[in-house]
Amino acid sequence: MNSFIGTYECKVDAKGRLLLPLPLKKQLSVVLQDGFVLKRSVFQPCLELYPMQEWNAMMQKVNKLNRFVKKNNDFIRRFTAGVKVVEMDNLGRLLIPKDLVIFSQISKDVVLSSAVNIIEIWDKDLYEKAIDDSVVDFADLAEDVMGQVNEDDHGIS
């Protein structure tokens, strides 16, 4: 599993082409040849860029779902809605398809944010709003999510 680091601001042009920042391109260099999958986020109005290896690992989990259970079938349909295979061009740009631009409300200014093994692609204003959300107390959230992890488990304290 790859683990990406960083948050980067960049621009998307009128055709939906996104020039990736050099530090991010360097991190992605080991997975460039396999291409990427771009999809809608489940929880946020942003896009998720999966290196093909990460997408295949996710699909292995999804493929274990029993398709004769309606909620599983509904989940698969919605999870894969709008999924596109994308590749970086010779200039280091990714083309964001129009339907995904509309879904994510991307205008011109974009934030690329590492999310462990994938990259989230946000409209800058929506990203700022999401991370500055005063409704969510990050200290409480961190305690709820990570508070039960002990040093013996993974060295986190």
N, C-alpha and C. Protein backbone atom coordinates (compact mmCIF):
# COMPACT_ATOMS: atom_id res chain seq x y z
N MET A 1 0.83 -1.17 0.00
CA MET A 1 0.00 0.00 0.00
C MET A 1 0.88 1.24 0.00
N ASN A 2 0.59 2.15 -0.89
CA ASN A 2 1.27 3.44 -0.91
C ASN A 2 0.64 4.35 0.11
N SER A 3 1.42 5.24 0.66
CA SER A 3 0.92 6.24 1.58
C SER A 3 1.40 7.59 1.08
N PHE A 4 0.46 8.46 0.75
CA PHE A 4 0.81 9.76 0.19
C PHE A 4 0.83 10.81 1.29
N ILE A 5 1.61 11.86 1.05
CA ILE A 5 1.79 12.91 2.04
C ILE A 5 1.59 14.27 1.38
N GLY A 6 0.81 15.13 2.02
CA GLY A 6 0.75 16.52 1.60
C GLY A 6 -0.61 17.00 1.15
N THR A 7 -0.72 18.32 1.16
CA THR A 7 -1.88 19.04 0.64
C THR A 7 -1.34 20.08 -0.32
N TYR A 8 -1.90 20.13 -1.53
CA TYR A 8 -1.36 20.98 -2.58
C TYR A 8 -2.48 21.79 -3.22
N GLU A 9 -2.21 23.05 -3.47
CA GLU A 9 -3.15 23.90 -4.19
C GLU A 9 -2.68 24.01 -5.63
N CYS A 10 -3.63 23.90 -6.54
CA CYS A 10 -3.31 24.05 -7.96
C CYS A 10 -4.56 24.51 -8.69
N LYS A 11 -4.48 24.53 -10.00
CA LYS A 11 -5.59 25.03 -10.80
C LYS A 11 -6.00 23.98 -11.83
N VAL A 12 -7.27 24.05 -12.19
CA VAL A 12 -7.78 23.22 -13.27
C VAL A 12 -8.18 24.17 -14.39
N ASP A 13 -7.88 23.78 -15.63
CA ASP A 13 -8.22 24.67 -16.74
C ASP A 13 -9.66 24.46 -17.20
N ALA A 14 -10.08 25.25 -18.17
CA ALA A 14 -11.48 25.23 -18.63
C ALA A 14 -11.88 23.88 -19.22
N LYS A 15 -10.91 23.08 -19.67
CA LYS A 15 -11.20 21.76 -20.22
C LYS A 15 -11.19 20.66 -19.16
N GLY A 16 -10.93 21.04 -17.91
CA GLY A 16 -10.91 20.06 -16.83
C GLY A 16 -9.56 19.39 -16.63
N ARG A 17 -8.51 19.96 -17.20
CA ARG A 17 -7.18 19.38 -17.05
C ARG A 17 -6.52 19.92 -15.78
N LEU A 18 -5.98 19.02 -15.01
CA LEU A 18 -5.37 19.33 -13.73
C LEU A 18 -3.89 19.00 -13.80
N LEU A 19 -3.05 20.03 -13.66
CA LEU A 19 -1.60 19.82 -13.65
C LEU A 19 -1.18 19.48 -12.23
N LEU A 20 -0.64 18.28 -12.05
CA LEU A 20 -0.26 17.84 -10.72
C LEU A 20 1.03 18.52 -10.27
N PRO A 21 1.10 18.95 -9.02
CA PRO A 21 2.33 19.56 -8.50
C PRO A 21 3.47 18.55 -8.49
N LEU A 22 4.68 19.04 -8.71
CA LEU A 22 5.86 18.18 -8.80
C LEU A 22 6.05 17.27 -7.58
N PRO A 23 5.91 17.77 -6.33
CA PRO A 23 6.10 16.86 -5.19
C PRO A 23 5.11 15.69 -5.19
N LEU A 24 3.89 15.94 -5.64
CA LEU A 24 2.90 14.86 -5.72
C LEU A 24 3.22 13.92 -6.86
N LYS A 25 3.64 14.47 -8.00
CA LYS A 25 4.03 13.63 -9.14
C LYS A 25 5.14 12.66 -8.75
N LYS A 26 6.09 13.16 -7.96
CA LYS A 26 7.19 12.30 -7.52
C LYS A 26 6.67 11.15 -6.67
N GLN A 27 5.72 11.43 -5.79
CA GLN A 27 5.15 10.38 -4.96
C GLN A 27 4.36 9.36 -5.80
N LEU A 28 3.74 9.83 -6.85
CA LEU A 28 2.93 8.96 -7.71
C LEU A 28 3.76 8.24 -8.77
N SER A 29 5.04 8.57 -8.90
CA SER A 29 5.86 8.04 -9.99
C SER A 29 5.88 6.51 -10.04
N VAL A 30 5.81 5.86 -8.89
CA VAL A 30 5.88 4.39 -8.87
C VAL A 30 4.59 3.74 -9.38
N VAL A 31 3.50 4.51 -9.47
CA VAL A 31 2.23 3.93 -9.91
C VAL A 31 1.72 4.55 -11.22
N LEU A 32 2.48 5.46 -11.80
CA LEU A 32 2.03 6.16 -13.00
C LEU A 32 1.70 5.22 -14.16
N GLN A 33 2.53 4.23 -14.38
CA GLN A 33 2.36 3.37 -15.55
C GLN A 33 1.06 2.57 -15.52
N ASP A 34 0.51 2.34 -14.33
CA ASP A 34 -0.72 1.54 -14.22
C ASP A 34 -1.99 2.37 -14.38
N GLY A 35 -1.88 3.69 -14.28
CA GLY A 35 -3.05 4.55 -14.38
C GLY A 35 -3.79 4.67 -13.06
N PHE A 36 -4.94 5.34 -13.12
CA PHE A 36 -5.70 5.67 -11.93
C PHE A 36 -7.19 5.48 -12.18
N VAL A 37 -7.93 5.41 -11.08
CA VAL A 37 -9.38 5.44 -11.13
C VAL A 37 -9.81 6.69 -10.39
N LEU A 38 -10.70 7.45 -11.00
CA LEU A 38 -11.24 8.66 -10.41
C LEU A 38 -12.72 8.44 -10.14
N LYS A 39 -13.15 8.74 -8.91
CA LYS A 39 -14.54 8.50 -8.56
C LYS A 39 -15.06 9.57 -7.61
N ARG A 40 -16.38 9.58 -7.47
CA ARG A 40 -17.04 10.45 -6.50
C ARG A 40 -16.74 9.95 -5.10
N SER A 41 -16.58 10.86 -4.17
CA SER A 41 -16.44 10.46 -2.78
C SER A 41 -17.81 10.04 -2.25
N VAL A 42 -17.81 9.12 -1.31
CA VAL A 42 -19.06 8.66 -0.71
C VAL A 42 -19.61 9.71 0.26
N PHE A 43 -18.74 10.36 1.03
CA PHE A 43 -19.20 11.22 2.12
C PHE A 43 -19.08 12.71 1.87
N GLN A 44 -18.29 13.13 0.89
CA GLN A 44 -18.00 14.54 0.68
C GLN A 44 -18.18 14.92 -0.78
N PRO A 45 -18.35 16.22 -1.07
CA PRO A 45 -18.45 16.66 -2.47
C PRO A 45 -17.07 16.84 -3.10
N CYS A 46 -16.30 15.76 -3.09
CA CYS A 46 -14.97 15.79 -3.69
C CYS A 46 -14.77 14.52 -4.50
N LEU A 47 -13.62 14.44 -5.16
CA LEU A 47 -13.29 13.27 -5.95
C LEU A 47 -12.17 12.50 -5.27
N GLU A 48 -12.09 11.21 -5.56
CA GLU A 48 -11.03 10.37 -5.02
C GLU A 48 -10.25 9.77 -6.17
N LEU A 49 -8.93 9.96 -6.11
CA LEU A 49 -8.03 9.43 -7.12
C LEU A 49 -7.32 8.21 -6.55
N TYR A 50 -7.64 7.05 -7.09
CA TYR A 50 -7.06 5.78 -6.65
C TYR A 50 -5.98 5.34 -7.62
N PRO A 51 -4.76 5.09 -7.16
CA PRO A 51 -3.83 4.36 -8.03
C PRO A 51 -4.47 3.01 -8.35
N MET A 52 -4.24 2.49 -9.54
CA MET A 52 -4.91 1.27 -9.99
C MET A 52 -4.74 0.12 -9.00
N GLN A 53 -3.57 -0.01 -8.40
CA GLN A 53 -3.34 -1.08 -7.42
C GLN A 53 -4.29 -0.93 -6.23
N GLU A 54 -4.49 0.28 -5.75
CA GLU A 54 -5.39 0.52 -4.62
C GLU A 54 -6.84 0.26 -5.02
N TRP A 55 -7.19 0.65 -6.25
CA TRP A 55 -8.55 0.41 -6.74
C TRP A 55 -8.82 -1.09 -6.82
N ASN A 56 -7.85 -1.84 -7.34
CA ASN A 56 -8.02 -3.29 -7.44
C ASN A 56 -8.19 -3.94 -6.07
N ALA A 57 -7.46 -3.45 -5.08
CA ALA A 57 -7.60 -3.97 -3.71
C ALA A 57 -9.00 -3.66 -3.17
N MET A 58 -9.50 -2.46 -3.46
CA MET A 58 -10.85 -2.10 -3.03
C MET A 58 -11.89 -2.98 -3.73
N MET A 59 -11.70 -3.22 -5.01
CA MET A 59 -12.65 -4.04 -5.75
C MET A 59 -12.65 -5.50 -5.27
N GLN A 60 -11.53 -5.98 -4.77
CA GLN A 60 -11.51 -7.33 -4.19
C GLN A 60 -12.45 -7.40 -2.99
N LYS A 61 -12.47 -6.34 -2.19
CA LYS A 61 -13.40 -6.30 -1.04
C LYS A 61 -14.84 -6.21 -1.52
N VAL A 62 -15.09 -5.32 -2.48
CA VAL A 62 -16.45 -5.13 -2.99
C VAL A 62 -16.96 -6.40 -3.66
N ASN A 63 -16.09 -7.11 -4.37
CA ASN A 63 -16.50 -8.33 -5.06
C ASN A 63 -16.89 -9.47 -4.12
N LYS A 64 -16.57 -9.34 -2.85
CA LYS A 64 -16.97 -10.36 -1.87
C LYS A 64 -18.41 -10.19 -1.41
N LEU A 65 -19.01 -9.04 -1.76
CA LEU A 65 -20.40 -8.80 -1.36
C LEU A 65 -21.34 -9.68 -2.17
N ASN A 66 -22.35 -10.19 -1.51
CA ASN A 66 -23.36 -11.02 -2.16
C ASN A 66 -24.30 -10.11 -2.95
N ARG A 67 -24.26 -10.24 -4.27
CA ARG A 67 -25.07 -9.38 -5.14
C ARG A 67 -26.55 -9.74 -5.09
N PHE A 68 -26.92 -10.84 -4.43
CA PHE A 68 -28.32 -11.20 -4.27
C PHE A 68 -28.93 -10.59 -3.01
N VAL A 69 -28.16 -9.76 -2.32
CA VAL A 69 -28.67 -8.97 -1.21
C VAL A 69 -28.84 -7.56 -1.76
N LYS A 70 -30.09 -7.07 -1.74
CA LYS A 70 -30.42 -5.80 -2.40
C LYS A 70 -29.54 -4.65 -1.94
N LYS A 71 -29.33 -4.51 -0.63
CA LYS A 71 -28.53 -3.37 -0.16
C LYS A 71 -27.09 -3.45 -0.65
N ASN A 72 -26.56 -4.67 -0.83
CA ASN A 72 -25.22 -4.81 -1.39
C ASN A 72 -25.20 -4.33 -2.84
N ASN A 73 -26.20 -4.75 -3.60
CA ASN A 73 -26.29 -4.36 -5.00
C ASN A 73 -26.46 -2.84 -5.13
N ASP A 74 -27.29 -2.25 -4.26
CA ASP A 74 -27.49 -0.80 -4.27
C ASP A 74 -26.19 -0.08 -3.93
N PHE A 75 -25.46 -0.61 -2.94
CA PHE A 75 -24.18 -0.01 -2.56
C PHE A 75 -23.21 -0.06 -3.73
N ILE A 76 -23.06 -1.20 -4.37
CA ILE A 76 -22.12 -1.35 -5.48
C ILE A 76 -22.45 -0.36 -6.59
N ARG A 77 -23.72 -0.24 -6.91
CA ARG A 77 -24.14 0.68 -7.98
C ARG A 77 -23.76 2.12 -7.63
N ARG A 78 -24.03 2.52 -6.41
CA ARG A 78 -23.74 3.90 -6.02
C ARG A 78 -22.24 4.13 -5.83
N PHE A 79 -21.54 3.15 -5.29
CA PHE A 79 -20.11 3.29 -5.05
C PHE A 79 -19.35 3.45 -6.37
N THR A 80 -19.81 2.75 -7.40
CA THR A 80 -19.11 2.79 -8.69
C THR A 80 -19.71 3.79 -9.67
N ALA A 81 -20.72 4.56 -9.25
CA ALA A 81 -21.34 5.55 -10.13
C ALA A 81 -20.30 6.60 -10.53
N GLY A 82 -20.18 6.83 -11.81
CA GLY A 82 -19.28 7.87 -12.31
C GLY A 82 -17.81 7.51 -12.31
N VAL A 83 -17.48 6.26 -12.03
CA VAL A 83 -16.07 5.83 -11.99
C VAL A 83 -15.45 5.94 -13.38
N LYS A 84 -14.25 6.51 -13.42
CA LYS A 84 -13.54 6.67 -14.69
C LYS A 84 -12.08 6.24 -14.53
N VAL A 85 -11.55 5.58 -15.55
CA VAL A 85 -10.12 5.30 -15.62
C VAL A 85 -9.46 6.52 -16.23
N VAL A 86 -8.42 7.04 -15.57
CA VAL A 86 -7.72 8.22 -16.08
C VAL A 86 -6.21 7.95 -16.06
N GLU A 87 -5.53 8.64 -16.96
CA GLU A 87 -4.08 8.54 -17.04
C GLU A 87 -3.49 9.93 -17.09
N MET A 88 -2.27 10.05 -16.65
CA MET A 88 -1.57 11.32 -16.73
C MET A 88 -1.03 11.47 -18.15
N ASP A 89 -1.19 12.67 -18.74
CA ASP A 89 -0.65 12.89 -20.08
C ASP A 89 0.84 13.23 -19.99
N ASN A 90 1.47 13.47 -21.14
CA ASN A 90 2.91 13.73 -21.19
C ASN A 90 3.33 15.00 -20.44
N LEU A 91 2.38 15.90 -20.22
CA LEU A 91 2.68 17.13 -19.51
C LEU A 91 2.40 17.02 -18.00
N GLY A 92 1.97 15.83 -17.56
CA GLY A 92 1.70 15.64 -16.13
C GLY A 92 0.33 16.10 -15.70
N ARG A 93 -0.62 16.08 -16.64
CA ARG A 93 -1.99 16.52 -16.33
C ARG A 93 -2.93 15.34 -16.30
N LEU A 94 -3.95 15.46 -15.45
CA LEU A 94 -5.06 14.52 -15.44
C LEU A 94 -6.29 15.24 -15.96
N LEU A 95 -7.05 14.57 -16.80
CA LEU A 95 -8.30 15.15 -17.31
C LEU A 95 -9.43 14.69 -16.39
N ILE A 96 -10.10 15.67 -15.78
CA ILE A 96 -11.26 15.35 -14.95
C ILE A 96 -12.49 15.42 -15.84
N PRO A 97 -13.19 14.29 -16.01
CA PRO A 97 -14.38 14.29 -16.87
C PRO A 97 -15.44 15.28 -16.37
N LYS A 98 -16.20 15.82 -17.31
CA LYS A 98 -17.17 16.87 -17.04
C LYS A 98 -18.17 16.50 -15.94
N ASP A 99 -18.69 15.27 -15.96
CA ASP A 99 -19.67 14.88 -14.95
C ASP A 99 -19.07 14.90 -13.54
N LEU A 100 -17.79 14.58 -13.42
CA LEU A 100 -17.14 14.60 -12.12
C LEU A 100 -16.80 16.02 -11.69
N VAL A 101 -16.51 16.90 -12.65
CA VAL A 101 -16.31 18.32 -12.35
C VAL A 101 -17.60 18.89 -11.76
N ILE A 102 -18.72 18.54 -12.38
CA ILE A 102 -20.02 19.04 -11.92
C ILE A 102 -20.33 18.49 -10.52
N PHE A 103 -20.13 17.18 -10.31
CA PHE A 103 -20.40 16.59 -9.00
C PHE A 103 -19.60 17.28 -7.90
N SER A 104 -18.33 17.50 -8.14
CA SER A 104 -17.43 18.03 -7.11
C SER A 104 -17.42 19.56 -7.04
N GLN A 105 -18.18 20.20 -7.94
CA GLN A 105 -18.30 21.65 -7.97
C GLN A 105 -16.95 22.34 -8.14
N ILE A 106 -16.05 21.67 -8.84
CA ILE A 106 -14.72 22.23 -9.07
C ILE A 106 -14.82 23.40 -10.04
N SER A 107 -14.25 24.54 -9.62
CA SER A 107 -14.23 25.70 -10.50
C SER A 107 -12.83 25.84 -11.08
N LYS A 108 -12.01 26.65 -10.48
CA LYS A 108 -10.65 26.85 -11.01
C LYS A 108 -9.60 26.44 -9.99
N ASP A 109 -9.77 26.90 -8.76
CA ASP A 109 -8.81 26.61 -7.71
C ASP A 109 -9.15 25.28 -7.06
N VAL A 110 -8.13 24.43 -6.96
CA VAL A 110 -8.32 23.05 -6.51
C VAL A 110 -7.32 22.75 -5.39
N VAL A 111 -7.74 21.88 -4.48
CA VAL A 111 -6.84 21.37 -3.45
C VAL A 111 -6.73 19.86 -3.64
N LEU A 112 -5.51 19.37 -3.69
CA LEU A 112 -5.23 17.94 -3.71
C LEU A 112 -4.77 17.58 -2.31
N SER A 113 -5.47 16.68 -1.68
CA SER A 113 -5.18 16.34 -0.30
C SER A 113 -4.95 14.84 -0.16
N SER A 114 -3.81 14.48 0.43
CA SER A 114 -3.52 13.06 0.63
C SER A 114 -4.49 12.50 1.66
N ALA A 115 -4.97 11.32 1.40
CA ALA A 115 -5.87 10.62 2.32
C ALA A 115 -5.36 9.18 2.43
N VAL A 116 -4.21 9.03 3.02
CA VAL A 116 -3.47 7.79 3.21
C VAL A 116 -3.07 7.21 1.85
N ASN A 117 -3.90 6.34 1.26
CA ASN A 117 -3.53 5.64 0.03
C ASN A 117 -4.21 6.18 -1.22
N ILE A 118 -4.97 7.25 -1.09
CA ILE A 118 -5.61 7.89 -2.25
C ILE A 118 -5.40 9.39 -2.13
N ILE A 119 -5.77 10.11 -3.19
CA ILE A 119 -5.70 11.56 -3.20
C ILE A 119 -7.12 12.09 -3.38
N GLU A 120 -7.51 13.01 -2.49
CA GLU A 120 -8.81 13.67 -2.65
C GLU A 120 -8.59 14.93 -3.49
N ILE A 121 -9.54 15.19 -4.39
CA ILE A 121 -9.50 16.37 -5.24
C ILE A 121 -10.72 17.22 -4.91
N TRP A 122 -10.47 18.42 -4.40
CA TRP A 122 -11.52 19.31 -3.89
C TRP A 122 -11.52 20.65 -4.62
N ASP A 123 -12.69 21.24 -4.76
CA ASP A 123 -12.77 22.66 -5.03
C ASP A 123 -12.21 23.35 -3.79
N LYS A 124 -11.36 24.36 -3.97
CA LYS A 124 -10.67 24.97 -2.84
C LYS A 124 -11.63 25.51 -1.78
N ASP A 125 -12.68 26.20 -2.18
CA ASP A 125 -13.62 26.76 -1.20
C ASP A 125 -14.32 25.66 -0.41
N LEU A 126 -14.71 24.58 -1.07
CA LEU A 126 -15.37 23.47 -0.37
C LEU A 126 -14.41 22.77 0.58
N TYR A 127 -13.14 22.66 0.19
CA TYR A 127 -12.14 22.05 1.06
C TYR A 127 -11.96 22.88 2.32
N GLU A 128 -11.80 24.18 2.15
CA GLU A 128 -11.62 25.06 3.32
C GLU A 128 -12.82 24.97 4.25
N LYS A 129 -14.00 24.91 3.68
CA LYS A 129 -15.21 24.79 4.50
C LYS A 129 -15.23 23.45 5.24
N ALA A 130 -14.83 22.38 4.58
CA ALA A 130 -14.86 21.05 5.20
C ALA A 130 -13.87 20.94 6.36
N ILE A 131 -12.68 21.50 6.20
CA ILE A 131 -11.70 21.36 7.29
C ILE A 131 -11.91 22.38 8.39
N ASP A 132 -12.62 23.47 8.10
CA ASP A 132 -12.90 24.49 9.11
C ASP A 132 -14.28 24.32 9.74
N ASP A 133 -14.93 23.21 9.49
CA ASP A 133 -16.28 22.98 9.99
C ASP A 133 -16.31 23.06 11.51
N SER A 134 -16.92 24.11 12.03
CA SER A 134 -16.95 24.31 13.48
C SER A 134 -17.90 23.34 14.18
N VAL A 135 -18.74 22.64 13.43
CA VAL A 135 -19.65 21.67 14.03
C VAL A 135 -18.88 20.46 14.54
N VAL A 136 -17.79 20.13 13.88
CA VAL A 136 -16.99 18.97 14.26
C VAL A 136 -15.88 19.42 15.20
N ASP A 137 -15.88 18.88 16.41
CA ASP A 137 -14.80 19.13 17.35
C ASP A 137 -13.73 18.08 17.07
N PHE A 138 -12.60 18.52 16.47
CA PHE A 138 -11.58 17.57 16.05
C PHE A 138 -10.99 16.79 17.22
N ALA A 139 -10.86 17.42 18.37
CA ALA A 139 -10.33 16.72 19.54
C ALA A 139 -11.24 15.55 19.92
N ASP A 140 -12.56 15.79 19.93
CA ASP A 140 -13.50 14.71 20.23
C ASP A 140 -13.45 13.62 19.16
N LEU A 141 -13.39 14.04 17.91
CA LEU A 141 -13.32 13.09 16.81
C LEU A 141 -12.07 12.23 16.91
N ALA A 142 -10.93 12.85 17.19
CA ALA A 142 -9.67 12.11 17.32
C ALA A 142 -9.75 11.10 18.46
N GLU A 143 -10.35 11.51 19.57
CA GLU A 143 -10.49 10.58 20.70
C GLU A 143 -11.41 9.42 20.34
N ASP A 144 -12.53 9.70 19.68
CA ASP A 144 -13.46 8.64 19.29
C ASP A 144 -12.81 7.64 18.33
N VAL A 145 -12.08 8.15 17.36
CA VAL A 145 -11.51 7.29 16.33
C VAL A 145 -10.23 6.60 16.78
N MET A 146 -9.34 7.34 17.43
CA MET A 146 -8.02 6.81 17.76
C MET A 146 -7.82 6.51 19.25
N GLY A 147 -8.77 6.88 20.09
CA GLY A 147 -8.62 6.75 21.53
C GLY A 147 -8.51 5.33 22.06
N GLN A 148 -8.99 4.37 21.31
CA GLN A 148 -8.93 2.98 21.75
C GLN A 148 -7.70 2.24 21.26
N VAL A 149 -6.89 2.93 20.45
CA VAL A 149 -5.66 2.32 19.95
C VAL A 149 -4.58 2.49 21.01
N ASN A 150 -4.03 1.38 21.46
CA ASN A 150 -3.00 1.43 22.49
C ASN A 150 -1.63 1.32 21.87
N GLU A 151 -0.63 1.75 22.64
CA GLU A 151 0.74 1.70 22.15
C GLU A 151 1.15 0.30 21.73
N ASP A 152 0.64 -0.70 22.42
CA ASP A 152 0.98 -2.10 22.09
C ASP A 152 0.43 -2.51 20.73
N ASP A 153 -0.68 -1.91 20.31
CA ASP A 153 -1.32 -2.29 19.06
C ASP A 153 -0.49 -1.88 17.84
N HIS A 154 -0.16 -0.60 17.75
CA HIS A 154 0.51 -0.08 16.56
C HIS A 154 1.53 1.00 16.87
N GLY A 155 1.89 1.14 18.13
CA GLY A 155 2.88 2.15 18.48
C GLY A 155 2.34 3.57 18.51
N ILE A 156 1.01 3.73 18.51
CA ILE A 156 0.41 5.07 18.55
C ILE A 156 0.04 5.36 20.01
N SER A 157 0.39 6.55 20.47
CA SER A 157 -0.02 6.91 21.84
C SER A 157 -0.32 8.38 21.91
